[in-house]
């Protein structure tokens, strides 16, 4: 990445990007940014290069175009409800299989009138589940994107999901650097897999350092399903994301306040709610003198009644997901989305 990345940094430093946009909603200076792990949004067609056979009509999950269409509609419903009819301006997504399912979401669902465009690259992940970014092209412009490959030095033969790096520009010319992630799962246990998530964190940290060396006031937003919690080693130590305010830090994890609250999180495992899905930001986005400012310096978890069902085994409620074990129940996803608002401050 570094060669292309450094060239792009030079481009940013020595060129001003002036963009004109048409605006069609009242809050033209406020932007909604979200991340959503959609839980296995698969194309029912078999990809001979991927281990996706379980999500085909003949496979274990008996996945069909009808089920895919329902899931696409469900995801669109969540995103529309999040913005009270106006869906996010930027959406990071995890667990999507390919561009086809993204096109179904953007162009063949209730989102079709919002002029979404897609940023997506095929990754080496053997299951074929990847990350992507959608953006409302009448409100945001993408000026650069690339996948950042992840190769574990201790397991070089493994095929891993890329990190998606995107630079978005707002109508006023301000840039936001986004990293969309889906780190290695805990399947097999925490201890045997922590080195892999630490390596993901190391790669992000190296790229953040490059950006901040070029511009200490760089606007950076890191989001995704990290498969670690905010206080775990990969996030708090390797990446160095802490709770705001901390004058010595340069990255702040906006999900840490939820960590202190019971029964609050984006994902439920047995009786424990935790924030596997997070939003981490650079210092500039929280400073009053910055042109881009996160509203109330807060991130949010989106939860609506239609996304939840009673948890008969562990009590309380749980997310209404697509499958319950092998049984198809037609819900939304096994994670709740996270989001925040960024306001462009006119000076």
C-alpha atoms as a PDB file:
ATOM      1  CA  UNK A   1       0.000   0.000   0.000  1.00  0.00           C
ATOM      2  CA  UNK A   2       2.688   2.484   1.015  1.00  0.00           C
ATOM      3  CA  UNK A   3       3.821   3.557  -2.471  1.00  0.00           C
ATOM      4  CA  UNK A   4       0.338   4.397  -3.723  1.00  0.00           C
ATOM      5  CA  UNK A   5      -0.642   5.766  -0.344  1.00  0.00           C
ATOM      6  CA  UNK A   6       2.287   8.225  -0.163  1.00  0.00           C
ATOM      7  CA  UNK A   7       1.588   9.424  -3.685  1.00  0.00           C
ATOM      8  CA  UNK A   8      -1.981  10.108  -2.668  1.00  0.00           C
ATOM      9  CA  UNK A   9      -0.856  12.013   0.423  1.00  0.00           C
ATOM     10  CA  UNK A  10       1.273  14.231  -1.801  1.00  0.00           C
ATOM     11  CA  UNK A  11      -1.750  14.751  -4.014  1.00  0.00           C
ATOM     12  CA  UNK A  12      -3.778  15.862  -0.996  1.00  0.00           C
ATOM     13  CA  UNK A  13      -1.103  18.249   0.227  1.00  0.00           C
ATOM     14  CA  UNK A  14      -0.446  20.048  -3.055  1.00  0.00           C
ATOM     15  CA  UNK A  15      -3.922  20.028  -4.560  1.00  0.00           C
ATOM     16  CA  UNK A  16      -7.180  21.485  -3.340  1.00  0.00           C
ATOM     17  CA  UNK A  17     -10.263  19.509  -4.185  1.00  0.00           C
ATOM     18  CA  UNK A  18     -13.208  21.709  -5.047  1.00  0.00           C
ATOM     19  CA  UNK A  19     -16.477  19.951  -5.540  1.00  0.00           C
ATOM     20  CA  UNK A  20     -19.986  21.185  -6.156  1.00  0.00           C
ATOM     21  CA  UNK A  21     -22.920  19.164  -4.897  1.00  0.00           C
ATOM     22  CA  UNK A  22     -26.661  19.344  -5.136  1.00  0.00           C
ATOM     23  CA  UNK A  23     -28.262  19.193  -1.710  1.00  0.00           C
ATOM     24  CA  UNK A  24     -31.753  17.906  -1.191  1.00  0.00           C
ATOM     25  CA  UNK A  25     -32.388  17.756   2.529  1.00  0.00           C
ATOM     26  CA  UNK A  26     -32.630  20.432   5.175  1.00  0.00           C
ATOM     27  CA  UNK A  27     -29.556  19.533   7.236  1.00  0.00           C
ATOM     28  CA  UNK A  28     -27.009  20.058   4.498  1.00  0.00           C
ATOM     29  CA  UNK A  29     -24.168  20.528   6.991  1.00  0.00           C
ATOM     30  CA  UNK A  30     -24.833  17.360   9.031  1.00  0.00           C
ATOM     31  CA  UNK A  31     -23.900  13.879   7.816  1.00  0.00           C
ATOM     32  CA  UNK A  32     -24.846  10.464   9.130  1.00  0.00           C
ATOM     33  CA  UNK A  33     -22.123   7.794   9.048  1.00  0.00           C
ATOM     34  CA  UNK A  34     -22.850   4.181   9.999  1.00  0.00           C
ATOM     35  CA  UNK A  35     -21.395   0.691  10.137  1.00  0.00           C
ATOM     36  CA  UNK A  36     -23.428  -2.517   9.947  1.00  0.00           C
ATOM     37  CA  UNK A  37     -22.384  -6.165  10.045  1.00  0.00           C
ATOM     38  CA  UNK A  38     -25.173  -7.644   7.957  1.00  0.00           C
ATOM     39  CA  UNK A  39     -24.604 -11.313   8.903  1.00  0.00           C
ATOM     40  CA  UNK A  40     -23.955 -13.352   5.779  1.00  0.00           C
ATOM     41  CA  UNK A  41     -25.486 -11.328   2.976  1.00  0.00           C
ATOM     42  CA  UNK A  42     -24.741 -13.954   0.350  1.00  0.00           C
ATOM     43  CA  UNK A  43     -25.405 -14.278  -3.358  1.00  0.00           C
ATOM     44  CA  UNK A  44     -27.307 -17.593  -3.773  1.00  0.00           C
ATOM     45  CA  UNK A  45     -25.237 -18.490  -6.825  1.00  0.00           C
ATOM     46  CA  UNK A  46     -22.276 -20.764  -6.158  1.00  0.00           C
ATOM     47  CA  UNK A  47     -18.869 -19.155  -6.570  1.00  0.00           C
ATOM     48  CA  UNK A  48     -16.468 -21.936  -7.526  1.00  0.00           C
ATOM     49  CA  UNK A  49     -13.536 -19.966  -6.059  1.00  0.00           C
ATOM     50  CA  UNK A  50     -15.105 -19.523  -2.603  1.00  0.00           C
ATOM     51  CA  UNK A  51     -16.391 -21.782   0.165  1.00  0.00           C
ATOM     52  CA  UNK A  52     -19.928 -20.436  -0.151  1.00  0.00           C
ATOM     53  CA  UNK A  53     -21.765 -23.696  -0.820  1.00  0.00           C
ATOM     54  CA  UNK A  54     -23.754 -23.483   2.434  1.00  0.00           C
ATOM     55  CA  UNK A  55     -25.469 -20.345   1.102  1.00  0.00           C
ATOM     56  CA  UNK A  56     -26.821 -21.830  -2.112  1.00  0.00           C
ATOM     57  CA  UNK A  57     -30.275 -23.341  -2.757  1.00  0.00           C
ATOM     58  CA  UNK A  58     -28.866 -26.856  -2.394  1.00  0.00           C
ATOM     59  CA  UNK A  59     -26.559 -26.013   0.508  1.00  0.00           C
ATOM     60  CA  UNK A  60     -26.908 -26.422   4.265  1.00  0.00           C
ATOM     61  CA  UNK A  61     -28.829 -23.147   4.679  1.00  0.00           C
ATOM     62  CA  UNK A  62     -30.984 -23.624   1.564  1.00  0.00           C
ATOM     63  CA  UNK A  63     -30.264 -20.012   0.636  1.00  0.00           C
ATOM     64  CA  UNK A  64     -32.397 -18.688  -2.221  1.00  0.00           C
ATOM     65  CA  UNK A  65     -32.985 -15.498  -4.184  1.00  0.00           C
ATOM     66  CA  UNK A  66     -36.222 -15.028  -2.252  1.00  0.00           C
ATOM     67  CA  UNK A  67     -34.384 -15.172   1.084  1.00  0.00           C
ATOM     68  CA  UNK A  68     -31.667 -12.859  -0.217  1.00  0.00           C
ATOM     69  CA  UNK A  69     -34.291 -10.345  -1.399  1.00  0.00           C
ATOM     70  CA  UNK A  70     -35.963 -10.415   2.012  1.00  0.00           C
ATOM     71  CA  UNK A  71     -32.630  -9.858   3.752  1.00  0.00           C
ATOM     72  CA  UNK A  72     -31.787  -6.956   1.430  1.00  0.00           C
ATOM     73  CA  UNK A  73     -35.163  -5.397   2.197  1.00  0.00           C
ATOM     74  CA  UNK A  74     -34.582  -5.894   5.932  1.00  0.00           C
ATOM     75  CA  UNK A  75     -31.185  -4.176   5.809  1.00  0.00           C
ATOM     76  CA  UNK A  76     -32.674  -1.263   3.880  1.00  0.00           C
ATOM     77  CA  UNK A  77     -35.425  -0.993   6.503  1.00  0.00           C
ATOM     78  CA  UNK A  78     -32.849  -0.717   9.293  1.00  0.00           C
ATOM     79  CA  UNK A  79     -30.848   1.960   7.471  1.00  0.00           C
ATOM     80  CA  UNK A  80     -33.950   4.006   6.688  1.00  0.00           C
ATOM     81  CA  UNK A  81     -35.171   3.751  10.275  1.00  0.00           C
ATOM     82  CA  UNK A  82     -31.778   4.840  11.569  1.00  0.00           C
ATOM     83  CA  UNK A  83     -32.024   8.125   9.683  1.00  0.00           C
ATOM     84  CA  UNK A  84     -35.789   8.491  10.197  1.00  0.00           C
ATOM     85  CA  UNK A  85     -36.399   8.154   6.484  1.00  0.00           C
ATOM     86  CA  UNK A  86     -33.083   9.640   5.364  1.00  0.00           C
ATOM     87  CA  UNK A  87     -30.521   6.799   5.346  1.00  0.00           C
ATOM     88  CA  UNK A  88     -26.821   7.311   6.158  1.00  0.00           C
ATOM     89  CA  UNK A  89     -24.596   9.346   3.877  1.00  0.00           C
ATOM     90  CA  UNK A  90     -21.800   6.815   4.336  1.00  0.00           C
ATOM     91  CA  UNK A  91     -22.290   3.162   5.288  1.00  0.00           C
ATOM     92  CA  UNK A  92     -19.524   0.692   6.078  1.00  0.00           C
ATOM     93  CA  UNK A  93     -20.693  -2.898   5.662  1.00  0.00           C
ATOM     94  CA  UNK A  94     -19.329  -6.277   6.722  1.00  0.00           C
ATOM     95  CA  UNK A  95     -20.286  -9.839   5.783  1.00  0.00           C
ATOM     96  CA  UNK A  96     -21.339  -9.093   2.223  1.00  0.00           C
ATOM     97  CA  UNK A  97     -20.296 -11.623  -0.409  1.00  0.00           C
ATOM     98  CA  UNK A  98     -19.825  -9.596  -3.572  1.00  0.00           C
ATOM     99  CA  UNK A  99     -20.807  -6.596  -5.646  1.00  0.00           C
ATOM    100  CA  UNK A 100     -24.029  -8.293  -6.807  1.00  0.00           C
ATOM    101  CA  UNK A 101     -25.600  -8.208  -3.331  1.00  0.00           C
ATOM    102  CA  UNK A 102     -24.472  -4.588  -2.911  1.00  0.00           C
ATOM    103  CA  UNK A 103     -26.198  -3.686  -6.166  1.00  0.00           C
ATOM    104  CA  UNK A 104     -29.348  -5.399  -4.938  1.00  0.00           C
ATOM    105  CA  UNK A 105     -29.229  -3.233  -1.815  1.00  0.00           C
ATOM    106  CA  UNK A 106     -28.477   0.030  -3.624  1.00  0.00           C
ATOM    107  CA  UNK A 107     -30.582  -0.322  -6.773  1.00  0.00           C
ATOM    108  CA  UNK A 108     -33.304  -2.890  -6.023  1.00  0.00           C
ATOM    109  CA  UNK A 109     -34.471  -1.999  -2.534  1.00  0.00           C
ATOM    110  CA  UNK A 110     -36.149   1.010  -0.875  1.00  0.00           C
ATOM    111  CA  UNK A 111     -32.694   2.651  -0.918  1.00  0.00           C
ATOM    112  CA  UNK A 112     -32.743   2.978  -4.717  1.00  0.00           C
ATOM    113  CA  UNK A 113     -33.881   6.621  -4.754  1.00  0.00           C
ATOM    114  CA  UNK A 114     -30.944   7.813  -2.637  1.00  0.00           C
ATOM    115  CA  UNK A 115     -28.277   7.578  -5.366  1.00  0.00           C
ATOM    116  CA  UNK A 116     -25.892   5.306  -3.530  1.00  0.00           C
ATOM    117  CA  UNK A 117     -22.619   4.312  -5.116  1.00  0.00           C
ATOM    118  CA  UNK A 118     -20.419   1.382  -4.134  1.00  0.00           C
ATOM    119  CA  UNK A 119     -16.799   1.014  -3.058  1.00  0.00           C
ATOM    120  CA  UNK A 120     -15.865  -2.657  -2.996  1.00  0.00           C
ATOM    121  CA  UNK A 121     -12.894  -4.882  -3.816  1.00  0.00           C
ATOM    122  CA  UNK A 122     -12.784  -8.670  -3.914  1.00  0.00           C
ATOM    123  CA  UNK A 123     -10.715  -9.984  -1.031  1.00  0.00           C
ATOM    124  CA  UNK A 124      -8.888 -13.309  -0.529  1.00  0.00           C
ATOM    125  CA  UNK A 125     -11.230 -14.468   2.261  1.00  0.00           C
ATOM    126  CA  UNK A 126     -12.082 -18.068   1.467  1.00  0.00           C
ATOM    127  CA  UNK A 127     -15.687 -17.829   2.645  1.00  0.00           C
ATOM    128  CA  UNK A 128     -16.178 -14.822   0.396  1.00  0.00           C
ATOM    129  CA  UNK A 129     -17.409 -12.481   3.121  1.00  0.00           C
ATOM    130  CA  UNK A 130     -16.013  -9.006   2.646  1.00  0.00           C
ATOM    131  CA  UNK A 131     -16.306  -5.360   3.619  1.00  0.00           C
ATOM    132  CA  UNK A 132     -17.631  -2.529   1.494  1.00  0.00           C
ATOM    133  CA  UNK A 133     -18.673   1.095   1.654  1.00  0.00           C
ATOM    134  CA  UNK A 134     -21.762   2.802   0.248  1.00  0.00           C
ATOM    135  CA  UNK A 135     -22.122   6.546  -0.121  1.00  0.00           C
ATOM    136  CA  UNK A 136     -24.807   8.953  -1.252  1.00  0.00           C
ATOM    137  CA  UNK A 137     -23.232  10.437  -4.333  1.00  0.00           C
ATOM    138  CA  UNK A 138     -25.298  13.630  -4.324  1.00  0.00           C
ATOM    139  CA  UNK A 139     -23.916  14.500  -0.859  1.00  0.00           C
ATOM    140  CA  UNK A 140     -20.472  12.889  -0.684  1.00  0.00           C
ATOM    141  CA  UNK A 141     -17.671  12.308  -3.168  1.00  0.00           C
ATOM    142  CA  UNK A 142     -15.067   9.558  -2.910  1.00  0.00           C
ATOM    143  CA  UNK A 143     -11.696  10.788  -4.125  1.00  0.00           C
ATOM    144  CA  UNK A 144      -9.578   7.732  -3.326  1.00  0.00           C
ATOM    145  CA  UNK A 145      -9.979   4.110  -2.275  1.00  0.00           C
ATOM    146  CA  UNK A 146      -7.955   0.939  -2.062  1.00  0.00           C
ATOM    147  CA  UNK A 147      -7.946  -2.413  -0.256  1.00  0.00           C
ATOM    148  CA  UNK A 148      -5.179  -2.907   2.296  1.00  0.00           C
ATOM    149  CA  UNK A 149      -4.090  -6.563   2.216  1.00  0.00           C
ATOM    150  CA  UNK A 150      -3.572  -8.433   5.472  1.00  0.00           C
ATOM    151  CA  UNK A 151      -0.929 -11.179   5.539  1.00  0.00           C
ATOM    152  CA  UNK A 152      -0.003 -12.736   8.881  1.00  0.00           C
ATOM    153  CA  UNK A 153       3.792 -13.170   9.092  1.00  0.00           C
ATOM    154  CA  UNK A 154       3.238 -16.195  11.333  1.00  0.00           C
ATOM    155  CA  UNK A 155       0.698 -17.786   8.940  1.00  0.00           C
ATOM    156  CA  UNK A 156       1.495 -16.518   5.466  1.00  0.00           C
ATOM    157  CA  UNK A 157      -0.660 -19.100   3.701  1.00  0.00           C
ATOM    158  CA  UNK A 158      -3.900 -17.856   5.295  1.00  0.00           C
ATOM    159  CA  UNK A 159      -6.419 -15.932   3.199  1.00  0.00           C
ATOM    160  CA  UNK A 160      -7.714 -12.905   5.065  1.00  0.00           C
ATOM    161  CA  UNK A 161     -10.191 -10.112   4.598  1.00  0.00           C
ATOM    162  CA  UNK A 162      -8.723  -6.837   3.381  1.00  0.00           C
ATOM    163  CA  UNK A 163      -9.124  -3.552   5.207  1.00  0.00           C
ATOM    164  CA  UNK A 164     -10.943  -1.017   3.036  1.00  0.00           C
ATOM    165  CA  UNK A 165      -9.395   2.457   2.963  1.00  0.00           C
ATOM    166  CA  UNK A 166     -11.501   5.296   1.543  1.00  0.00           C
ATOM    167  CA  UNK A 167     -11.140   9.076   1.428  1.00  0.00           C
ATOM    168  CA  UNK A 168     -14.472  10.904   1.320  1.00  0.00           C
ATOM    169  CA  UNK A 169     -14.807  14.600   0.572  1.00  0.00           C
ATOM    170  CA  UNK A 170     -17.655  16.818   1.706  1.00  0.00           C
ATOM    171  CA  UNK A 171     -19.084  19.630  -0.406  1.00  0.00           C
ATOM    172  CA  UNK A 172     -17.083  22.224   1.506  1.00  0.00           C
ATOM    173  CA  UNK A 173     -13.843  20.428   0.559  1.00  0.00           C
ATOM    174  CA  UNK A 174     -13.087  18.762   3.891  1.00  0.00           C
ATOM    175  CA  UNK A 175     -11.720  15.217   3.705  1.00  0.00           C
ATOM    176  CA  UNK A 176     -12.460  12.228   5.926  1.00  0.00           C
ATOM    177  CA  UNK A 177     -10.177   9.170   5.902  1.00  0.00           C
ATOM    178  CA  UNK A 178     -12.102   5.975   6.619  1.00  0.00           C
ATOM    179  CA  UNK A 179     -10.912   2.451   7.399  1.00  0.00           C
ATOM    180  CA  UNK A 180     -13.605  -0.265   7.218  1.00  0.00           C
ATOM    181  CA  UNK A 181     -12.699  -3.472   9.047  1.00  0.00           C
ATOM    182  CA  UNK A 182     -13.803  -7.000   9.764  1.00  0.00           C
ATOM    183  CA  UNK A 183     -11.056  -8.620  11.812  1.00  0.00           C
ATOM    184  CA  UNK A 184     -10.465 -12.333  12.344  1.00  0.00           C
ATOM    185  CA  UNK A 185     -13.163 -13.969  14.453  1.00  0.00           C
ATOM    186  CA  UNK A 186     -12.717 -15.644  17.825  1.00  0.00           C
ATOM    187  CA  UNK A 187     -13.669 -19.002  16.357  1.00  0.00           C
ATOM    188  CA  UNK A 188     -11.364 -21.474  18.076  1.00  0.00           C
ATOM    189  CA  UNK A 189     -10.999 -19.289  21.151  1.00  0.00           C
ATOM    190  CA  UNK A 190      -9.679 -15.878  22.168  1.00  0.00           C
ATOM    191  CA  UNK A 191      -6.079 -16.870  22.934  1.00  0.00           C
ATOM    192  CA  UNK A 192      -5.396 -18.782  19.689  1.00  0.00           C
ATOM    193  CA  UNK A 193      -6.692 -15.891  17.552  1.00  0.00           C
ATOM    194  CA  UNK A 194      -5.555 -12.725  19.376  1.00  0.00           C
ATOM    195  CA  UNK A 195      -2.289 -12.483  17.401  1.00  0.00           C
ATOM    196  CA  UNK A 196      -4.324 -12.179  14.212  1.00  0.00           C
ATOM    197  CA  UNK A 197      -6.426  -9.298  15.487  1.00  0.00           C
ATOM    198  CA  UNK A 198      -3.307  -7.668  16.907  1.00  0.00           C
ATOM    199  CA  UNK A 199      -1.801  -7.799  13.427  1.00  0.00           C
ATOM    200  CA  UNK A 200      -4.867  -6.087  11.956  1.00  0.00           C
ATOM    201  CA  UNK A 201      -4.494  -3.416  14.630  1.00  0.00           C
ATOM    202  CA  UNK A 202      -0.799  -2.998  13.794  1.00  0.00           C
ATOM    203  CA  UNK A 203      -1.592  -2.390  10.133  1.00  0.00           C
ATOM    204  CA  UNK A 204      -4.207   0.249  10.998  1.00  0.00           C
ATOM    205  CA  UNK A 205      -1.817   1.900  13.459  1.00  0.00           C
ATOM    206  CA  UNK A 206       0.931   2.112  10.819  1.00  0.00           C
ATOM    207  CA  UNK A 207      -1.411   3.761   8.344  1.00  0.00           C
ATOM    208  CA  UNK A 208      -2.782   6.167  10.945  1.00  0.00           C
ATOM    209  CA  UNK A 209       0.789   7.147  11.785  1.00  0.00           C
ATOM    210  CA  UNK A 210       1.481   7.889   8.118  1.00  0.00           C
ATOM    211  CA  UNK A 211      -1.563  10.135   7.907  1.00  0.00           C
ATOM    212  CA  UNK A 212      -0.832  11.992  11.125  1.00  0.00           C
ATOM    213  CA  UNK A 213       2.804  12.521  10.155  1.00  0.00           C
ATOM    214  CA  UNK A 214       1.618  14.296   7.021  1.00  0.00           C
ATOM    215  CA  UNK A 215      -1.162  16.184   8.804  1.00  0.00           C
ATOM    216  CA  UNK A 216      -1.569  16.085  12.606  1.00  0.00           C
ATOM    217  CA  UNK A 217      -5.104  17.452  12.157  1.00  0.00           C
ATOM    218  CA  UNK A 218      -6.120  14.660   9.784  1.00  0.00           C
ATOM    219  CA  UNK A 219      -9.757  13.551  10.080  1.00  0.00           C
ATOM    220  CA  UNK A 220      -9.687   9.765  10.556  1.00  0.00           C
ATOM    221  CA  UNK A 221     -12.575   7.387  11.250  1.00  0.00           C
ATOM    222  CA  UNK A 222     -11.925   3.685  11.868  1.00  0.00           C
ATOM    223  CA  UNK A 223     -14.963   1.442  12.018  1.00  0.00           C
ATOM    224  CA  UNK A 224     -15.950  -2.178  11.691  1.00  0.00           C
ATOM    225  CA  UNK A 225     -16.507  -5.456  13.456  1.00  0.00           C
ATOM    226  CA  UNK A 226     -13.234  -5.936  15.313  1.00  0.00           C
ATOM    227  CA  UNK A 227     -14.194  -9.208  17.020  1.00  0.00           C
ATOM    228  CA  UNK A 228     -12.561  -7.695  20.104  1.00  0.00           C
ATOM    229  CA  UNK A 229     -14.005  -5.416  22.759  1.00  0.00           C
ATOM    230  CA  UNK A 230     -12.856  -1.826  23.393  1.00  0.00           C
ATOM    231  CA  UNK A 231     -10.645  -2.793  26.341  1.00  0.00           C
ATOM    232  CA  UNK A 232      -9.008  -5.774  24.636  1.00  0.00           C
ATOM    233  CA  UNK A 233      -5.316  -5.717  23.769  1.00  0.00           C
ATOM    234  CA  UNK A 234      -5.702  -5.161  20.032  1.00  0.00           C
ATOM    235  CA  UNK A 235      -7.819  -2.028  20.454  1.00  0.00           C
ATOM    236  CA  UNK A 236      -6.576  -0.430  23.658  1.00  0.00           C
ATOM    237  CA  UNK A 237      -2.866  -1.253  23.406  1.00  0.00           C
ATOM    238  CA  UNK A 238      -1.828  -2.054  19.823  1.00  0.00           C
ATOM    239  CA  UNK A 239      -4.125   0.475  18.163  1.00  0.00           C
ATOM    240  CA  UNK A 240      -4.008   2.772  21.186  1.00  0.00           C
ATOM    241  CA  UNK A 241      -7.653   3.877  21.116  1.00  0.00           C
ATOM    242  CA  UNK A 242      -8.774   5.248  24.480  1.00  0.00           C
ATOM    243  CA  UNK A 243     -11.718   7.110  25.947  1.00  0.00           C
ATOM    244  CA  UNK A 244     -12.024  10.856  25.344  1.00  0.00           C
ATOM    245  CA  UNK A 245     -10.618  13.051  26.824  1.00  0.00           C
ATOM    246  CA  UNK A 246      -7.008  11.924  27.121  1.00  0.00           C
ATOM    247  CA  UNK A 247      -4.543  14.594  26.045  1.00  0.00           C
ATOM    248  CA  UNK A 248      -1.744  12.126  25.315  1.00  0.00           C
ATOM    249  CA  UNK A 249      -3.770  10.012  22.876  1.00  0.00           C
ATOM    250  CA  UNK A 250      -4.441  10.533  19.184  1.00  0.00           C
ATOM    251  CA  UNK A 251      -7.228   7.960  18.723  1.00  0.00           C
ATOM    252  CA  UNK A 252     -10.459   7.788  20.720  1.00  0.00           C
ATOM    253  CA  UNK A 253     -12.875   4.887  20.930  1.00  0.00           C
ATOM    254  CA  UNK A 254     -16.408   6.261  21.033  1.00  0.00           C
ATOM    255  CA  UNK A 255     -17.838   2.906  22.149  1.00  0.00           C
ATOM    256  CA  UNK A 256     -16.052   2.852  25.511  1.00  0.00           C
ATOM    257  CA  UNK A 257     -18.939   4.610  27.328  1.00  0.00           C
ATOM    258  CA  UNK A 258     -21.183   1.660  26.375  1.00  0.00           C
ATOM    259  CA  UNK A 259     -18.670  -0.765  27.861  1.00  0.00           C
ATOM    260  CA  UNK A 260     -19.518   0.603  31.317  1.00  0.00           C
ATOM    261  CA  UNK A 261     -23.255   0.012  30.922  1.00  0.00           C
ATOM    262  CA  UNK A 262     -24.963  -3.303  31.529  1.00  0.00           C
ATOM    263  CA  UNK A 263     -27.031  -4.841  28.758  1.00  0.00           C
ATOM    264  CA  UNK A 264     -25.637  -2.408  26.195  1.00  0.00           C
ATOM    265  CA  UNK A 265     -23.724  -3.484  23.124  1.00  0.00           C
ATOM    266  CA  UNK A 266     -23.899  -4.424  19.475  1.00  0.00           C
ATOM    267  CA  UNK A 267     -23.715  -8.195  19.844  1.00  0.00           C
ATOM    268  CA  UNK A 268     -25.035 -10.663  22.408  1.00  0.00           C
ATOM    269  CA  UNK A 269     -23.221 -13.878  23.258  1.00  0.00           C
ATOM    270  CA  UNK A 270     -25.280 -15.972  25.637  1.00  0.00           C
ATOM    271  CA  UNK A 271     -26.179 -13.437  28.352  1.00  0.00           C
ATOM    272  CA  UNK A 272     -23.400 -10.910  27.605  1.00  0.00           C
ATOM    273  CA  UNK A 273     -23.822  -7.787  25.497  1.00  0.00           C
ATOM    274  CA  UNK A 274     -20.561  -6.350  24.153  1.00  0.00           C
ATOM    275  CA  UNK A 275     -19.361  -3.846  21.563  1.00  0.00           C
ATOM    276  CA  UNK A 276     -17.582  -5.833  18.880  1.00  0.00           C
ATOM    277  CA  UNK A 277     -18.656  -3.135  16.412  1.00  0.00           C
ATOM    278  CA  UNK A 278     -16.923   0.140  17.101  1.00  0.00           C
ATOM    279  CA  UNK A 279     -16.170   3.637  15.836  1.00  0.00           C
ATOM    280  CA  UNK A 280     -12.712   5.030  16.581  1.00  0.00           C
ATOM    281  CA  UNK A 281     -11.743   8.559  15.563  1.00  0.00           C
ATOM    282  CA  UNK A 282      -8.753  10.880  15.494  1.00  0.00           C
ATOM    283  CA  UNK A 283      -8.435  13.805  17.867  1.00  0.00           C
ATOM    284  CA  UNK A 284      -9.245  16.421  15.211  1.00  0.00           C
ATOM    285  CA  UNK A 285     -12.840  15.199  14.866  1.00  0.00           C
ATOM    286  CA  UNK A 286     -13.471  15.994  18.538  1.00  0.00           C
ATOM    287  CA  UNK A 287     -11.869  19.443  18.667  1.00  0.00           C
ATOM    288  CA  UNK A 288     -14.048  22.534  18.651  1.00  0.00           C
ATOM    289  CA  UNK A 289     -11.823  24.432  16.217  1.00  0.00           C
ATOM    290  CA  UNK A 290     -12.031  21.713  13.558  1.00  0.00           C
ATOM    291  CA  UNK A 291     -14.266  22.149  10.501  1.00  0.00           C
ATOM    292  CA  UNK A 292     -15.531  18.569  10.853  1.00  0.00           C
ATOM    293  CA  UNK A 293     -16.926  17.854  14.307  1.00  0.00           C
ATOM    294  CA  UNK A 294     -18.651  14.761  15.672  1.00  0.00           C
ATOM    295  CA  UNK A 295     -21.950  15.899  17.142  1.00  0.00           C
ATOM    296  CA  UNK A 296     -21.847  15.708  20.963  1.00  0.00           C
ATOM    297  CA  UNK A 297     -18.605  13.718  20.565  1.00  0.00           C
ATOM    298  CA  UNK A 298     -20.773  10.599  20.682  1.00  0.00           C
ATOM    299  CA  UNK A 299     -21.389   7.426  18.741  1.00  0.00           C
ATOM    300  CA  UNK A 300     -24.656   5.523  18.996  1.00  0.00           C
ATOM    301  CA  UNK A 301     -25.978   1.979  18.742  1.00  0.00           C
ATOM    302  CA  UNK A 302     -29.118   1.723  16.648  1.00  0.00           C
ATOM    303  CA  UNK A 303     -31.750  -0.551  18.119  1.00  0.00           C
ATOM    304  CA  UNK A 304     -35.428  -0.542  17.232  1.00  0.00           C
ATOM    305  CA  UNK A 305     -38.186  -2.816  18.489  1.00  0.00           C
ATOM    306  CA  UNK A 306     -38.618  -4.492  15.102  1.00  0.00           C
ATOM    307  CA  UNK A 307     -34.961  -5.642  15.240  1.00  0.00           C
ATOM    308  CA  UNK A 308     -35.320  -7.425  18.591  1.00  0.00           C
ATOM    309  CA  UNK A 309     -36.988 -10.580  19.950  1.00  0.00           C
ATOM    310  CA  UNK A 310     -37.331 -11.984  23.475  1.00  0.00           C
ATOM    311  CA  UNK A 311     -34.383 -14.065  24.672  1.00  0.00           C
ATOM    312  CA  UNK A 312     -36.151 -17.035  26.203  1.00  0.00           C
ATOM    313  CA  UNK A 313     -32.938 -18.801  27.250  1.00  0.00           C
ATOM    314  CA  UNK A 314     -30.900 -15.993  28.843  1.00  0.00           C
ATOM    315  CA  UNK A 315     -33.534 -13.374  29.563  1.00  0.00           C
ATOM    316  CA  UNK A 316     -34.101  -9.887  28.263  1.00  0.00           C
ATOM    317  CA  UNK A 317     -33.969  -9.540  24.495  1.00  0.00           C
ATOM    318  CA  UNK A 318     -31.668 -10.414  21.638  1.00  0.00           C
ATOM    319  CA  UNK A 319     -31.199  -9.405  18.029  1.00  0.00           C
ATOM    320  CA  UNK A 320     -33.686 -10.828  15.518  1.00  0.00           C
ATOM    321  CA  UNK A 321     -31.215 -12.530  13.189  1.00  0.00           C
ATOM    322  CA  UNK A 322     -31.508 -14.365   9.873  1.00  0.00           C
ATOM    323  CA  UNK A 323     -30.913 -17.878  11.174  1.00  0.00           C
ATOM    324  CA  UNK A 324     -31.336 -19.449  14.595  1.00  0.00           C
ATOM    325  CA  UNK A 325     -28.854 -22.287  14.336  1.00  0.00           C
ATOM    326  CA  UNK A 326     -29.835 -24.116  11.139  1.00  0.00           C
ATOM    327  CA  UNK A 327     -33.382 -22.731  11.194  1.00  0.00           C
ATOM    328  CA  UNK A 328     -34.216 -19.808   8.899  1.00  0.00           C
ATOM    329  CA  UNK A 329     -36.266 -17.214  10.799  1.00  0.00           C
ATOM    330  CA  UNK A 330     -35.980 -14.292   8.376  1.00  0.00           C
ATOM    331  CA  UNK A 331     -34.676 -11.561  10.643  1.00  0.00           C
ATOM    332  CA  UNK A 332     -32.126  -8.813  10.165  1.00  0.00           C
ATOM    333  CA  UNK A 333     -28.611  -9.614  11.441  1.00  0.00           C
ATOM    334  CA  UNK A 334     -26.830 -10.868  14.541  1.00  0.00           C
ATOM    335  CA  UNK A 335     -25.235  -7.445  15.178  1.00  0.00           C
ATOM    336  CA  UNK A 336     -26.699  -4.005  15.785  1.00  0.00           C
ATOM    337  CA  UNK A 337     -25.346  -1.138  13.669  1.00  0.00           C
ATOM    338  CA  UNK A 338     -23.373   1.793  15.060  1.00  0.00           C
ATOM    339  CA  UNK A 339     -23.493   5.372  13.841  1.00  0.00           C
ATOM    340  CA  UNK A 340     -22.631   9.000  14.494  1.00  0.00           C
ATOM    341  CA  UNK A 341     -23.289  12.439  13.067  1.00  0.00           C
ATOM    342  CA  UNK A 342     -20.580  14.701  11.683  1.00  0.00           C
ATOM    343  CA  UNK A 343     -21.301  18.392  11.299  1.00  0.00           C
ATOM    344  CA  UNK A 344     -19.419  20.674   8.943  1.00  0.00           C
ATOM    345  CA  UNK A 345     -18.731  23.848  10.880  1.00  0.00           C
ATOM    346  CA  UNK A 346     -18.859  26.990   8.745  1.00  0.00           C
ATOM    347  CA  UNK A 347     -16.139  29.451   9.720  1.00  0.00           C
END
